[in-house]
Amino acid sequence: MKRIAIAMSRYQDHVEWLTAQVAHVTNVSPDAINTGTPLAYYGMDSAGFRQLSVDLKAEKKIEV
């Protein structure tokens, strides 16, 4: 049970971080971003995805 709680906490941390990054790149309020909506709806383009990829690698050590 504890492993599941830790995994869910990590997942939620990643979702919140990604939401904040997308909000920053697109100049949209984080509260307005729905995780079930395609990012293109918020104006994410190739430059935005590139920035998100760089940030993921730098801050989360995740390569995309």
PDB file of N, CA and C in Angstrom:
ATOM      1  N   MET A   1       0.816  -1.195   0.000  1.00  0.00           N
ATOM      2  CA  MET A   1       0.000   0.000   0.000  1.00  0.00           C
ATOM      3  C   MET A   1       0.858   1.256   0.000  1.00  0.00           C
ATOM      4  N   LYS A   2       1.933   1.246   0.787  1.00  0.00           N
ATOM      5  CA  LYS A   2       2.784   2.431   0.872  1.00  0.00           C
ATOM      6  C   LYS A   2       3.432   2.734  -0.477  1.00  0.00           C
ATOM      7  N   ARG A   3       3.818   1.702  -1.223  1.00  0.00           N
ATOM      8  CA  ARG A   3       4.419   1.899  -2.546  1.00  0.00           C
ATOM      9  C   ARG A   3       3.442   2.566  -3.489  1.00  0.00           C
ATOM     10  N   ILE A   4       2.188   2.191  -3.409  1.00  0.00           N
ATOM     11  CA  ILE A   4       1.161   2.797  -4.260  1.00  0.00           C
ATOM     12  C   ILE A   4       0.990   4.267  -3.897  1.00  0.00           C
ATOM     13  N   ALA A   5       0.969   4.567  -2.619  1.00  0.00           N
ATOM     14  CA  ALA A   5       0.820   5.958  -2.169  1.00  0.00           C
ATOM     15  C   ALA A   5       1.993   6.804  -2.641  1.00  0.00           C
ATOM     16  N   ILE A   6       3.198   6.255  -2.571  1.00  0.00           N
ATOM     17  CA  ILE A   6       4.386   6.984  -3.033  1.00  0.00           C
ATOM     18  C   ILE A   6       4.312   7.202  -4.538  1.00  0.00           C
ATOM     19  N   ALA A   7       3.923   6.178  -5.267  1.00  0.00           N
ATOM     20  CA  ALA A   7       3.808   6.298  -6.723  1.00  0.00           C
ATOM     21  C   ALA A   7       2.757   7.334  -7.102  1.00  0.00           C
ATOM     22  N   MET A   8       1.635   7.341  -6.411  1.00  0.00           N
ATOM     23  CA  MET A   8       0.581   8.315  -6.705  1.00  0.00           C
ATOM     24  C   MET A   8       1.050   9.732  -6.384  1.00  0.00           C
ATOM     25  N   SER A   9       1.794   9.875  -5.308  1.00  0.00           N
ATOM     26  CA  SER A   9       2.321  11.183  -4.935  1.00  0.00           C
ATOM     27  C   SER A   9       3.304  11.689  -5.995  1.00  0.00           C
ATOM     28  N   ARG A  10       4.164  10.807  -6.457  1.00  0.00           N
ATOM     29  CA  ARG A  10       5.121  11.162  -7.517  1.00  0.00           C
ATOM     30  C   ARG A  10       4.396  11.536  -8.794  1.00  0.00           C
ATOM     31  N   TYR A  11       3.388  10.749  -9.133  1.00  0.00           N
ATOM     32  CA  TYR A  11       2.585  11.024 -10.329  1.00  0.00           C
ATOM     33  C   TYR A  11       1.957  12.410 -10.222  1.00  0.00           C
ATOM     34  N   GLN A  12       1.355  12.713  -9.081  1.00  0.00           N
ATOM     35  CA  GLN A  12       0.706  14.008  -8.892  1.00  0.00           C
ATOM     36  C   GLN A  12       1.723  15.141  -8.958  1.00  0.00           C
ATOM     37  N   ASP A  13       2.904  14.928  -8.410  1.00  0.00           N
ATOM     38  CA  ASP A  13       3.965  15.932  -8.499  1.00  0.00           C
ATOM     39  C   ASP A  13       4.337  16.208  -9.950  1.00  0.00           C
ATOM     40  N   HIS A  14       4.448  15.142 -10.747  1.00  0.00           N
ATOM     41  CA  HIS A  14       4.782  15.304 -12.166  1.00  0.00           C
ATOM     42  C   HIS A  14       3.666  16.034 -12.911  1.00  0.00           C
ATOM     43  N   VAL A  15       2.435  15.688 -12.634  1.00  0.00           N
ATOM     44  CA  VAL A  15       1.305  16.346 -13.289  1.00  0.00           C
ATOM     45  C   VAL A  15       1.301  17.840 -12.960  1.00  0.00           C
ATOM     46  N   GLU A  16       1.504  18.167 -11.691  1.00  0.00           N
ATOM     47  CA  GLU A  16       1.513  19.582 -11.289  1.00  0.00           C
ATOM     48  C   GLU A  16       2.679  20.332 -11.930  1.00  0.00           C
ATOM     49  N   TRP A  17       3.836  19.700 -11.993  1.00  0.00           N
ATOM     50  CA  TRP A  17       5.006  20.327 -12.593  1.00  0.00           C
ATOM     51  C   TRP A  17       4.772  20.565 -14.090  1.00  0.00           C
ATOM     52  N   LEU A  18       4.289  19.515 -14.783  1.00  0.00           N
ATOM     53  CA  LEU A  18       4.024  19.650 -16.216  1.00  0.00           C
ATOM     54  C   LEU A  18       2.959  20.702 -16.498  1.00  0.00           C
ATOM     55  N   THR A  19       1.920  20.732 -15.678  1.00  0.00           N
ATOM     56  CA  THR A  19       0.872  21.743 -15.842  1.00  0.00           C
ATOM     57  C   THR A  19       1.447  23.142 -15.696  1.00  0.00           C
ATOM     58  N   ALA A  20       2.280  23.342 -14.708  1.00  0.00           N
ATOM     59  CA  ALA A  20       2.906  24.655 -14.499  1.00  0.00           C
ATOM     60  C   ALA A  20       3.800  25.023 -15.673  1.00  0.00           C
ATOM     61  N   GLN A  21       4.548  24.063 -16.199  1.00  0.00           N
ATOM     62  CA  GLN A  21       5.428  24.340 -17.336  1.00  0.00           C
ATOM     63  C   GLN A  21       4.625  24.699 -18.580  1.00  0.00           C
ATOM     64  N   VAL A  22       3.575  23.942 -18.851  1.00  0.00           N
ATOM     65  CA  VAL A  22       2.729  24.235 -20.013  1.00  0.00           C
ATOM     66  C   VAL A  22       2.086  25.606 -19.848  1.00  0.00           C
ATOM     67  N   ALA A  23       1.631  25.905 -18.658  1.00  0.00           N
ATOM     68  CA  ALA A  23       1.032  27.218 -18.391  1.00  0.00           C
ATOM     69  C   ALA A  23       2.036  28.332 -18.673  1.00  0.00           C
ATOM     70  N   HIS A  24       3.266  28.133 -18.243  1.00  0.00           N
ATOM     71  CA  HIS A  24       4.298  29.144 -18.457  1.00  0.00           C
ATOM     72  C   HIS A  24       4.584  29.336 -19.949  1.00  0.00           C
ATOM     73  N   VAL A  25       4.748  28.227 -20.668  1.00  0.00           N
ATOM     74  CA  VAL A  25       5.083  28.287 -22.096  1.00  0.00           C
ATOM     75  C   VAL A  25       3.948  28.894 -22.912  1.00  0.00           C
ATOM     76  N   THR A  26       2.719  28.616 -22.530  1.00  0.00           N
ATOM     77  CA  THR A  26       1.569  29.058 -23.330  1.00  0.00           C
ATOM     78  C   THR A  26       0.906  30.334 -22.803  1.00  0.00           C
ATOM     79  N   ASN A  27       1.384  30.844 -21.673  1.00  0.00           N
ATOM     80  CA  ASN A  27       0.769  32.029 -21.048  1.00  0.00           C
ATOM     81  C   ASN A  27      -0.703  31.806 -20.712  1.00  0.00           C
ATOM     82  N   VAL A  28      -0.999  30.605 -20.234  1.00  0.00           N
ATOM     83  CA  VAL A  28      -2.349  30.234 -19.807  1.00  0.00           C
ATOM     84  C   VAL A  28      -2.283  29.953 -18.306  1.00  0.00           C
ATOM     85  N   SER A  29      -3.309  30.318 -17.583  1.00  0.00           N
ATOM     86  CA  SER A  29      -3.345  30.039 -16.145  1.00  0.00           C
ATOM     87  C   SER A  29      -3.297  28.526 -15.906  1.00  0.00           C
ATOM     88  N   PRO A  30      -2.487  28.075 -14.943  1.00  0.00           N
ATOM     89  CA  PRO A  30      -2.453  26.638 -14.642  1.00  0.00           C
ATOM     90  C   PRO A  30      -3.837  26.085 -14.291  1.00  0.00           C
ATOM     91  N   ASP A  31      -4.672  26.901 -13.670  1.00  0.00           N
ATOM     92  CA  ASP A  31      -6.028  26.460 -13.310  1.00  0.00           C
ATOM     93  C   ASP A  31      -6.897  26.212 -14.530  1.00  0.00           C
ATOM     94  N   ALA A  32      -6.549  26.818 -15.662  1.00  0.00           N
ATOM     95  CA  ALA A  32      -7.346  26.674 -16.879  1.00  0.00           C
ATOM     96  C   ALA A  32      -6.946  25.446 -17.693  1.00  0.00           C
ATOM     97  N   ILE A  33      -5.863  24.795 -17.304  1.00  0.00           N
ATOM     98  CA  ILE A  33      -5.364  23.648 -18.067  1.00  0.00           C
ATOM     99  C   ILE A  33      -5.996  22.360 -17.562  1.00  0.00           C
ATOM    100  N   ASN A  34      -6.607  21.645 -18.492  1.00  0.00           N
ATOM    101  CA  ASN A  34      -7.229  20.352 -18.213  1.00  0.00           C
ATOM    102  C   ASN A  34      -6.293  19.277 -18.747  1.00  0.00           C
ATOM    103  N   THR A  35      -5.878  18.350 -17.912  1.00  0.00           N
ATOM    104  CA  THR A  35      -4.921  17.331 -18.331  1.00  0.00           C
ATOM    105  C   THR A  35      -5.468  16.393 -19.400  1.00  0.00           C
ATOM    106  N   GLY A  36      -6.763  16.411 -19.628  1.00  0.00           N
ATOM    107  CA  GLY A  36      -7.349  15.568 -20.662  1.00  0.00           C
ATOM    108  C   GLY A  36      -7.492  16.261 -22.005  1.00  0.00           C
ATOM    109  N   THR A  37      -7.077  17.512 -22.073  1.00  0.00           N
ATOM    110  CA  THR A  37      -7.203  18.295 -23.306  1.00  0.00           C
ATOM    111  C   THR A  37      -5.868  18.292 -24.054  1.00  0.00           C
ATOM    112  N   PRO A  38      -5.907  18.090 -25.377  1.00  0.00           N
ATOM    113  CA  PRO A  38      -4.651  18.135 -26.140  1.00  0.00           C
ATOM    114  C   PRO A  38      -3.937  19.473 -25.941  1.00  0.00           C
ATOM    115  N   LEU A  39      -2.625  19.426 -25.811  1.00  0.00           N
ATOM    116  CA  LEU A  39      -1.849  20.632 -25.534  1.00  0.00           C
ATOM    117  C   LEU A  39      -1.921  21.648 -26.666  1.00  0.00           C
ATOM    118  N   ALA A  40      -2.164  21.211 -27.873  1.00  0.00           N
ATOM    119  CA  ALA A  40      -2.298  22.141 -29.000  1.00  0.00           C
ATOM    120  C   ALA A  40      -3.455  23.113 -28.764  1.00  0.00           C
ATOM    121  N   TYR A  41      -4.456  22.690 -28.041  1.00  0.00           N
ATOM    122  CA  TYR A  41      -5.600  23.553 -27.718  1.00  0.00           C
ATOM    123  C   TYR A  41      -5.141  24.808 -26.974  1.00  0.00           C
ATOM    124  N   TYR A  42      -4.099  24.670 -26.172  1.00  0.00           N
ATOM    125  CA  TYR A  42      -3.583  25.791 -25.385  1.00  0.00           C
ATOM    126  C   TYR A  42      -2.517  26.588 -26.125  1.00  0.00           C
ATOM    127  N   GLY A  43      -2.222  26.174 -27.351  1.00  0.00           N
ATOM    128  CA  GLY A  43      -1.250  26.901 -28.159  1.00  0.00           C
ATOM    129  C   GLY A  43       0.149  26.315 -28.144  1.00  0.00           C
ATOM    130  N   MET A  44       0.302  25.111 -27.619  1.00  0.00           N
ATOM    131  CA  MET A  44       1.621  24.478 -27.640  1.00  0.00           C
ATOM    132  C   MET A  44       1.996  24.188 -29.090  1.00  0.00           C
ATOM    133  N   ASP A  45       3.181  24.631 -29.459  1.00  0.00           N
ATOM    134  CA  ASP A  45       3.694  24.369 -30.797  1.00  0.00           C
ATOM    135  C   ASP A  45       5.038  23.665 -30.665  1.00  0.00           C
ATOM    136  N   SER A  46       5.740  23.493 -31.786  1.00  0.00           N
ATOM    137  CA  SER A  46       7.004  22.750 -31.733  1.00  0.00           C
ATOM    138  C   SER A  46       8.022  23.443 -30.833  1.00  0.00           C
ATOM    139  N   ALA A  47       8.046  24.771 -30.823  1.00  0.00           N
ATOM    140  CA  ALA A  47       8.972  25.495 -29.953  1.00  0.00           C
ATOM    141  C   ALA A  47       8.614  25.254 -28.477  1.00  0.00           C
ATOM    142  N   GLY A  48       7.333  25.238 -28.171  1.00  0.00           N
ATOM    143  CA  GLY A  48       6.890  24.974 -26.808  1.00  0.00           C
ATOM    144  C   GLY A  48       7.232  23.566 -26.357  1.00  0.00           C
ATOM    145  N   PHE A  49       7.062  22.603 -27.259  1.00  0.00           N
ATOM    146  CA  PHE A  49       7.402  21.224 -26.917  1.00  0.00           C
ATOM    147  C   PHE A  49       8.908  21.065 -26.747  1.00  0.00           C
ATOM    148  N   ARG A  50       9.666  21.781 -27.546  1.00  0.00           N
ATOM    149  CA  ARG A  50      11.130  21.734 -27.409  1.00  0.00           C
ATOM    150  C   ARG A  50      11.526  22.280 -26.037  1.00  0.00           C
ATOM    151  N   GLN A  51      10.934  23.398 -25.636  1.00  0.00           N
ATOM    152  CA  GLN A  51      11.246  23.980 -24.326  1.00  0.00           C
ATOM    153  C   GLN A  51      10.855  23.019 -23.200  1.00  0.00           C
ATOM    154  N   LEU A  52       9.698  22.395 -23.338  1.00  0.00           N
ATOM    155  CA  LEU A  52       9.245  21.433 -22.334  1.00  0.00           C
ATOM    156  C   LEU A  52      10.222  20.260 -22.244  1.00  0.00           C
ATOM    157  N   SER A  53      10.718  19.798 -23.390  1.00  0.00           N
ATOM    158  CA  SER A  53      11.681  18.704 -23.421  1.00  0.00           C
ATOM    159  C   SER A  53      12.981  19.090 -22.717  1.00  0.00           C
ATOM    160  N   VAL A  54      13.466  20.299 -22.970  1.00  0.00           N
ATOM    161  CA  VAL A  54      14.686  20.787 -22.329  1.00  0.00           C
ATOM    162  C   VAL A  54      14.483  20.883 -20.811  1.00  0.00           C
ATOM    163  N   ASP A  55      13.337  21.418 -20.409  1.00  0.00           N
ATOM    164  CA  ASP A  55      13.039  21.555 -18.978  1.00  0.00           C
ATOM    165  C   ASP A  55      12.915  20.193 -18.289  1.00  0.00           C
ATOM    166  N   LEU A  56      12.283  19.238 -18.961  1.00  0.00           N
ATOM    167  CA  LEU A  56      12.155  17.887 -18.389  1.00  0.00           C
ATOM    168  C   LEU A  56      13.529  17.274 -18.135  1.00  0.00           C
ATOM    169  N   LYS A  57      14.413  17.435 -19.098  1.00  0.00           N
ATOM    170  CA  LYS A  57      15.752  16.871 -18.949  1.00  0.00           C
ATOM    171  C   LYS A  57      16.520  17.581 -17.835  1.00  0.00           C
ATOM    172  N   ALA A  58      16.442  18.903 -17.809  1.00  0.00           N
ATOM    173  CA  ALA A  58      17.210  19.682 -16.831  1.00  0.00           C
ATOM    174  C   ALA A  58      16.693  19.524 -15.409  1.00  0.00           C
ATOM    175  N   GLU A  59      15.386  19.561 -15.246  1.00  0.00           N
ATOM    176  CA  GLU A  59      14.818  19.580 -13.897  1.00  0.00           C
ATOM    177  C   GLU A  59      14.398  18.228 -13.355  1.00  0.00           C
ATOM    178  N   LYS A  60      13.997  17.331 -14.254  1.00  0.00           N
ATOM    179  CA  LYS A  60      13.489  16.026 -13.798  1.00  0.00           C
ATOM    180  C   LYS A  60      14.343  14.849 -14.242  1.00  0.00           C
ATOM    181  N   LYS A  61      15.401  15.146 -15.011  1.00  0.00           N
ATOM    182  CA  LYS A  61      16.296  14.103 -15.523  1.00  0.00           C
ATOM    183  C   LYS A  61      15.550  13.082 -16.380  1.00  0.00           C
ATOM    184  N   ILE A  62      14.533  13.568 -17.113  1.00  0.00           N
ATOM    185  CA  ILE A  62      13.729  12.728 -18.000  1.00  0.00           C
ATOM    186  C   ILE A  62      14.002  13.167 -19.432  1.00  0.00           C
ATOM    187  N   GLU A  63      14.487  12.241 -20.267  1.00  0.00           N
ATOM    188  CA  GLU A  63      14.724  12.562 -21.665  1.00  0.00           C
ATOM    189  C   GLU A  63      13.532  12.162 -22.497  1.00  0.00           C
ATOM    190  N   VAL A  64      13.175  13.060 -23.409  1.00  0.00           N
ATOM    191  CA  VAL A  64      12.037  12.808 -24.273  1.00  0.00           C
ATOM    192  C   VAL A  64      12.522  12.781 -25.710  1.00  0.00           C
TER     193      VAL A  64
END
